[in-house]
Amino acid sequence: MYYEKGEYIIPFDGTQLTSGIYFCNFEINNSTIAKKLVILK
């Protein structure tokens, strides 16, 4: 999925995930940024 330049809000629904630590990878300009997500239920 590709978007034009700009600022975006991408919805995230973690209701089907169990509690734990997850990593989300973003690819921007040939660079990858990993962010840690913590889900507690």
N, C-alpha and C. Protein backbone atom coordinates (compact mmCIF):
# COMPACT_ATOMS: atom_id res chain seq x y z
N MET A 1 0.84 -1.16 0.00
CA MET A 1 0.00 0.00 0.00
C MET A 1 0.89 1.24 0.00
N TYR A 2 0.64 2.15 -0.89
CA TYR A 2 1.45 3.36 -1.00
C TYR A 2 0.56 4.59 -0.91
N TYR A 3 1.06 5.62 -0.29
CA TYR A 3 0.34 6.87 -0.14
C TYR A 3 1.19 8.01 -0.69
N GLU A 4 0.54 9.07 -1.10
CA GLU A 4 1.25 10.28 -1.49
C GLU A 4 1.84 10.91 -0.24
N LYS A 5 2.77 11.86 -0.41
CA LYS A 5 3.36 12.56 0.73
C LYS A 5 2.27 13.21 1.56
N GLY A 6 2.46 13.20 2.86
CA GLY A 6 1.49 13.85 3.73
C GLY A 6 1.44 13.17 5.09
N GLU A 7 0.50 13.60 5.88
CA GLU A 7 0.32 13.06 7.23
C GLU A 7 -0.94 12.21 7.24
N TYR A 8 -0.85 11.02 7.81
CA TYR A 8 -1.96 10.09 7.79
C TYR A 8 -2.21 9.51 9.18
N ILE A 9 -3.44 9.16 9.43
CA ILE A 9 -3.81 8.41 10.63
C ILE A 9 -4.27 7.03 10.15
N ILE A 10 -3.60 6.00 10.64
CA ILE A 10 -3.92 4.64 10.23
C ILE A 10 -4.58 3.95 11.43
N PRO A 11 -5.85 3.58 11.30
CA PRO A 11 -6.54 2.95 12.43
C PRO A 11 -5.93 1.57 12.77
N PHE A 12 -5.90 1.28 14.05
CA PHE A 12 -5.38 0.00 14.53
C PHE A 12 -6.40 -0.61 15.46
N ASP A 13 -6.79 -1.85 15.20
CA ASP A 13 -7.76 -2.55 16.03
C ASP A 13 -7.09 -3.79 16.62
N GLY A 14 -6.76 -3.73 17.90
CA GLY A 14 -6.08 -4.84 18.55
C GLY A 14 -7.00 -5.72 19.36
N THR A 15 -8.31 -5.64 19.12
CA THR A 15 -9.26 -6.42 19.93
C THR A 15 -9.10 -7.92 19.76
N GLN A 16 -8.59 -8.36 18.63
CA GLN A 16 -8.42 -9.79 18.39
C GLN A 16 -7.04 -10.31 18.84
N LEU A 17 -6.20 -9.43 19.35
CA LEU A 17 -4.86 -9.83 19.80
C LEU A 17 -4.87 -10.08 21.30
N THR A 18 -4.02 -10.99 21.74
CA THR A 18 -3.87 -11.23 23.17
C THR A 18 -2.91 -10.22 23.77
N SER A 19 -2.89 -10.14 25.10
CA SER A 19 -1.94 -9.25 25.77
C SER A 19 -0.53 -9.65 25.39
N GLY A 20 0.31 -8.66 25.20
CA GLY A 20 1.70 -8.96 24.85
C GLY A 20 2.38 -7.77 24.22
N ILE A 21 3.58 -8.01 23.75
CA ILE A 21 4.38 -6.98 23.09
C ILE A 21 4.41 -7.31 21.60
N TYR A 22 4.09 -6.33 20.79
CA TYR A 22 4.07 -6.48 19.35
C TYR A 22 4.96 -5.40 18.74
N PHE A 23 5.45 -5.66 17.54
CA PHE A 23 6.28 -4.69 16.84
C PHE A 23 5.61 -4.33 15.52
N CYS A 24 5.59 -3.06 15.23
CA CYS A 24 5.02 -2.55 13.99
C CYS A 24 6.15 -1.91 13.18
N ASN A 25 6.30 -2.33 11.94
CA ASN A 25 7.37 -1.80 11.08
C ASN A 25 6.79 -0.81 10.07
N PHE A 26 7.45 0.34 9.96
CA PHE A 26 7.09 1.35 8.98
C PHE A 26 8.25 1.51 8.02
N GLU A 27 7.96 1.46 6.73
CA GLU A 27 8.99 1.68 5.71
C GLU A 27 8.79 3.07 5.14
N ILE A 28 9.80 3.94 5.32
CA ILE A 28 9.73 5.33 4.88
C ILE A 28 11.03 5.68 4.17
N ASN A 29 10.93 6.08 2.91
CA ASN A 29 12.11 6.50 2.14
C ASN A 29 13.27 5.51 2.25
N ASN A 30 13.02 4.27 1.97
CA ASN A 30 14.04 3.20 2.01
C ASN A 30 14.61 2.96 3.40
N SER A 31 13.93 3.44 4.44
CA SER A 31 14.33 3.18 5.82
C SER A 31 13.19 2.47 6.53
N THR A 32 13.53 1.64 7.48
CA THR A 32 12.52 0.93 8.26
C THR A 32 12.58 1.40 9.70
N ILE A 33 11.43 1.76 10.24
CA ILE A 33 11.32 2.18 11.64
C ILE A 33 10.44 1.18 12.35
N ALA A 34 10.93 0.61 13.45
CA ALA A 34 10.13 -0.35 14.23
C ALA A 34 9.65 0.33 15.51
N LYS A 35 8.38 0.18 15.80
CA LYS A 35 7.80 0.71 17.03
C LYS A 35 7.22 -0.43 17.82
N LYS A 36 7.40 -0.36 19.13
CA LYS A 36 6.89 -1.40 20.01
C LYS A 36 5.49 -1.03 20.49
N LEU A 37 4.57 -1.98 20.41
CA LEU A 37 3.21 -1.79 20.89
C LEU A 37 3.00 -2.74 22.07
N VAL A 38 2.47 -2.24 23.17
CA VAL A 38 2.18 -3.07 24.32
C VAL A 38 0.67 -3.12 24.47
N ILE A 39 0.12 -4.32 24.47
CA ILE A 39 -1.33 -4.50 24.63
C ILE A 39 -1.58 -5.20 25.95
N LEU A 40 -2.36 -4.56 26.81
CA LEU A 40 -2.72 -5.13 28.12
C LEU A 40 -4.24 -5.28 28.15
N LYS A 41 -4.70 -6.45 28.52
CA LYS A 41 -6.14 -6.68 28.61
C LYS A 41 -6.50 -7.17 29.99
